[in-house]
Structure formats: structure tokens, C-alpha cells
Protein backbone atom coordinates (compact mmCIF):
# COMPACT_ATOMS: atom_id res chain seq x y z
CA MET A 1 0.11 -0.18 0.06
CA ASN A 2 2.79 2.69 1.06
CA ALA A 3 5.20 1.25 -1.14
CA ALA A 4 3.17 2.85 -4.17
CA ARG A 5 3.21 6.33 -2.81
CA ALA A 6 5.35 8.49 -4.82
CA SER A 7 8.69 10.08 -3.07
CA SER A 8 9.00 13.64 -2.77
CA GLY A 9 13.13 13.28 -3.36
CA LEU A 10 13.52 15.16 0.01
CA PHE A 11 14.65 12.09 2.06
CA ALA A 12 17.13 8.97 1.27
CA PRO A 13 16.04 5.64 0.74
CA PRO A 14 16.54 3.28 3.65
CA ASP A 15 19.51 1.72 4.51
CA GLU A 16 17.63 -1.19 5.60
CA PRO A 17 14.11 -2.98 5.54
CA ARG A 18 11.75 -1.44 8.23
CA CYS A 19 8.26 -2.78 8.58
CA ASP A 20 5.69 -0.07 7.57
CA ALA A 21 3.47 -0.19 9.95
CA CYS A 22 6.00 0.32 13.02
CA GLY A 23 9.34 0.92 11.72
CA PHE A 24 10.57 -2.36 13.34
CA ALA A 25 13.88 -2.94 11.21
CA LEU A 26 13.25 -6.48 9.08
CA VAL A 27 17.18 -7.03 8.94
CA GLY A 28 17.80 -10.97 8.82
CA LEU A 29 14.10 -11.68 8.32
CA PRO A 30 12.63 -13.49 5.09
CA GLU A 31 11.43 -11.31 2.29
CA HIS A 32 7.86 -12.04 3.16
CA GLY A 33 6.07 -12.39 6.35
CA ASN A 34 4.64 -10.76 9.67
CA CYS A 35 6.78 -8.03 11.55
CA PRO A 36 7.63 -9.69 15.06
CA GLU A 37 6.98 -6.12 16.51
CA CYS A 38 3.53 -5.42 15.51
CA GLY A 39 2.25 -8.93 13.44
CA ALA A 40 1.21 -6.32 10.16
CA ALA A 41 2.35 -8.33 6.76
CA TYR A 42 5.27 -7.06 4.93
CA THR A 43 6.68 -7.50 1.50
CA PRO A 44 10.26 -6.48 -0.01
CA ALA A 45 8.25 -3.34 -1.57
CA SER A 46 6.45 -2.18 1.54
CA ALA A 47 9.62 -2.76 3.90
CA ARG A 48 11.44 -0.49 1.70
CA ALA A 49 8.54 1.96 1.75
CA LEU A 50 9.61 4.17 4.58
CA CYS A 51 12.77 6.80 4.10
CA LYS A 52 15.56 7.76 6.39
CA PRO A 53 14.74 11.19 8.45
CA PRO A 54 16.97 13.54 7.13
CA THR A 55 20.57 15.06 8.58
CA VAL A 56 20.00 18.39 10.31
CA THR A 57 22.18 19.55 7.43
CA ARG A 58 19.97 18.56 4.75
CA ALA A 59 16.93 19.80 6.30
CA LEU A 60 18.52 22.96 6.84
CA GLY A 61 19.74 23.23 3.31
CA TYR A 62 16.16 22.69 2.27
CA PHE A 63 15.58 25.89 4.06
CA ALA A 64 18.56 27.87 3.03
CA TRP A 65 17.65 29.25 -0.38
CA PRO A 66 14.29 30.99 0.90
CA ALA A 67 16.24 32.02 4.12
CA LEU A 68 18.65 33.67 1.76
CA SER A 69 16.76 35.40 -0.12
CA ILE A 70 15.02 36.94 2.79
CA ALA A 71 18.48 37.87 4.54
CA ILE A 72 19.93 39.80 1.11
CA ALA A 73 16.57 41.59 0.75
CA ILE A 74 16.76 42.92 4.22
CA ALA A 75 20.43 44.28 3.55
CA TYR A 76 19.95 45.79 0.79
CA VAL A 77 17.11 47.79 2.02
CA THR A 78 19.24 48.27 5.29
CA ALA A 79 22.48 49.37 3.02
CA ARG A 80 19.92 51.87 0.77
CA ALA A 81 18.68 53.04 4.20
CA ALA A 82 22.31 53.93 5.45
CA THR A 83 22.75 56.08 2.03
CA SER A 84 19.73 57.69 2.70
CA ARG A 85 18.08 56.95 -0.73
CA THR A 86 15.12 54.80 0.59
CA GLU A 87 12.49 56.80 -1.44
CA SER A 88 13.51 55.24 -4.95
CA LEU A 89 11.43 52.14 -6.48
CA ASP A 90 13.74 49.57 -6.14
CA VAL A 91 13.66 49.60 -2.21
CA PHE A 92 9.75 49.76 -2.30
CA CYS A 93 10.36 46.82 -4.83
CA VAL A 94 12.33 44.83 -2.33
CA MET A 95 10.38 45.78 0.66
CA LEU A 96 6.78 45.13 -0.87
CA VAL A 97 7.30 42.16 -2.78
CA LEU A 98 10.45 40.43 -2.66
CA ILE A 99 10.35 40.12 1.24
CA PRO A 100 6.91 38.82 1.00
CA CYS A 101 7.49 36.38 -1.58
CA SER A 102 10.29 35.22 0.12
CA ILE A 103 8.21 34.37 3.26
CA ALA A 104 5.47 32.98 1.31
CA TRP A 105 8.52 30.55 -0.56
CA LEU A 106 9.70 29.83 3.14
CA GLY A 107 5.91 28.70 4.39
CA TRP A 108 5.70 26.89 1.00
CA ARG A 109 8.76 24.81 2.07
CA THR A 110 7.80 24.15 5.40
CA ILE A 111 4.89 22.70 4.46
CA ARG A 112 5.76 20.60 2.17
CA PHE A 113 8.74 19.00 4.42
CA THR A 114 6.39 18.49 7.27
CA GLY A 115 3.76 16.62 4.53
CA ALA A 116 6.73 14.78 3.32
CA PHE A 117 8.18 14.07 6.73
CA LYS A 118 4.85 12.86 7.94
CA HIS A 119 4.44 10.60 5.04
CA GLU A 120 7.49 8.92 4.20
CA VAL A 121 9.33 8.71 7.33
CA LEU A 122 6.89 8.36 9.95
CA PRO A 123 5.46 4.65 10.22
CA ARG A 124 1.44 3.86 9.21
CA ARG A 125 0.86 3.66 12.91
CA VAL A 126 2.15 6.77 13.75
CA ARG A 127 0.93 8.38 11.14
CA GLU A 128 -2.66 7.26 11.27
CA GLY A 129 -2.56 7.69 15.00
CA GLY A 130 -2.21 10.91 14.98
CA GLY A 131 1.29 10.61 16.78
CA ARG A 132 3.13 13.33 15.25
CA GLY A 133 2.73 15.44 18.31
CA ALA A 134 1.97 18.83 19.40
CA LEU A 135 5.57 19.78 17.57
CA GLY A 136 4.40 18.55 14.02
CA CYS A 137 1.23 20.33 14.53
CA LEU A 138 2.89 23.76 15.43
CA VAL A 139 5.42 23.68 12.36
CA GLU A 140 2.62 22.92 9.94
CA ILE A 141 0.44 25.58 11.53
CA PHE A 142 3.61 27.91 11.51
CA GLY A 143 4.39 27.23 7.73
CA ALA A 144 0.61 27.86 6.33
CA LEU A 145 0.88 31.24 8.53
CA LEU A 146 3.89 32.04 6.57
CA PHE A 147 2.70 30.88 3.34
CA GLY A 148 -0.62 32.55 3.87
CA GLY A 149 0.84 35.73 5.19
CA GLY A 150 3.58 35.93 2.63
CA ILE A 151 0.78 35.67 0.19
CA ILE A 152 -1.35 38.45 1.38
CA LEU A 153 1.45 40.38 1.78
CA THR A 154 2.93 39.89 -1.47
CA ALA A 155 -0.27 40.79 -3.02
CA ALA A 156 -0.55 43.96 -0.90
CA GLY A 157 2.66 44.74 -1.91
CA LEU A 158 2.41 44.39 -5.56
CA LEU A 159 -1.21 46.80 -5.51
CA LEU A 160 1.18 49.20 -3.69
CA PHE A 161 3.93 49.29 -5.65
CA ALA A 162 1.37 49.82 -8.58
CA VAL A 163 -0.11 52.66 -6.70
CA CYS A 164 3.27 53.88 -6.67
CA VAL A 165 4.54 53.63 -10.06
CA ALA A 166 1.17 55.31 -11.27
CA ASP A 167 2.01 57.90 -8.75
CA PHE A 168 5.49 58.37 -9.91
CA ALA A 169 4.37 58.36 -13.42
CA SER A 170 1.68 61.27 -12.96
CA TYR A 171 4.03 63.36 -10.76
CA GLY A 172 6.20 63.82 -14.35
CA ARG A 173 3.66 65.53 -16.10
């Protein structure tokens, strides 16, 4: 059942076969049989369905690009503010469009990461039993808030940017 699901590519395949239902290592057991831990039937395909949890480096690397784009945008706005040239359109564009868009990107990656972790790394017993715990729920809520807030701020920033451009165009007449 779980072996047929598509992989997100975020996590590495397992080094050893594990029970899809409980995560028990099936090393040294026959290719087909029942898990000695939970009694669930397993096949070679289902024993390779669970992925390895990501390393800290890989997990942080997944979030590096959105976080880096936010840091660069903030550094740019700060540098422009230091030269007291904050009234130009490029600063408005960065502040009102790039930063919110990057926040939405970070939120989307958080949602995708937690969803893939839930479906590809956690055993079926944990997934179906609601066992990801409060931390997993908080991370999903945080990701959804980042994504939704970033989208709303990006839309508002684009609208405000369009108003600024229209005002700037009419100012020269």
C-alpha cells in the first residue's frame, strides 16, 4: 500500500528494510512475512517504503534559499537606508514584493517538508494514530501562517507598488 506512493525526493531511501506499520528493522528476516513487533504483513516493496529521516544539514539546506533571499533583501534595504536613498522604487519593490514573496516561499517549503516527513519517514501506525505530536502540528501551522501571510503581503505589496508607479508616472507630467 505505502510502497506505491510517490517520493518527494526530500529524503534518502532506507539502508535497511523496516516495517511500514511500526518502523521495526526487518534485518535478517525473510522477504515476506509478518513483523515480529506489530504482526503486520510485509513484502519487499513495503519494507522499503519508509525513508530515512533527514540529517540536520540536509534539512537546513532545504530552507537555505528562502532564508538567504530574505537576508539579502533585508541587507539591501538596510544598506540603502544607510545612504539615505530610501525613496527610490527599487527599495519599495524589495520591501513590498521580494521579502513577502520569500516569506511565502519559506512557508511553502515548511508545509512541503512536514508533509513529506509525515508520509515518507513516519511509520503507518504513527501517521494514522495522530502521533506526530504537538510539535509537528505547530510546525505545520507555522508553515501555513508563513505561506498565507506571505501571499497576502505579496499581493498587497504588488498593489501598493502599482500605485506608487502610477503616482510616479503622473508626477512627471
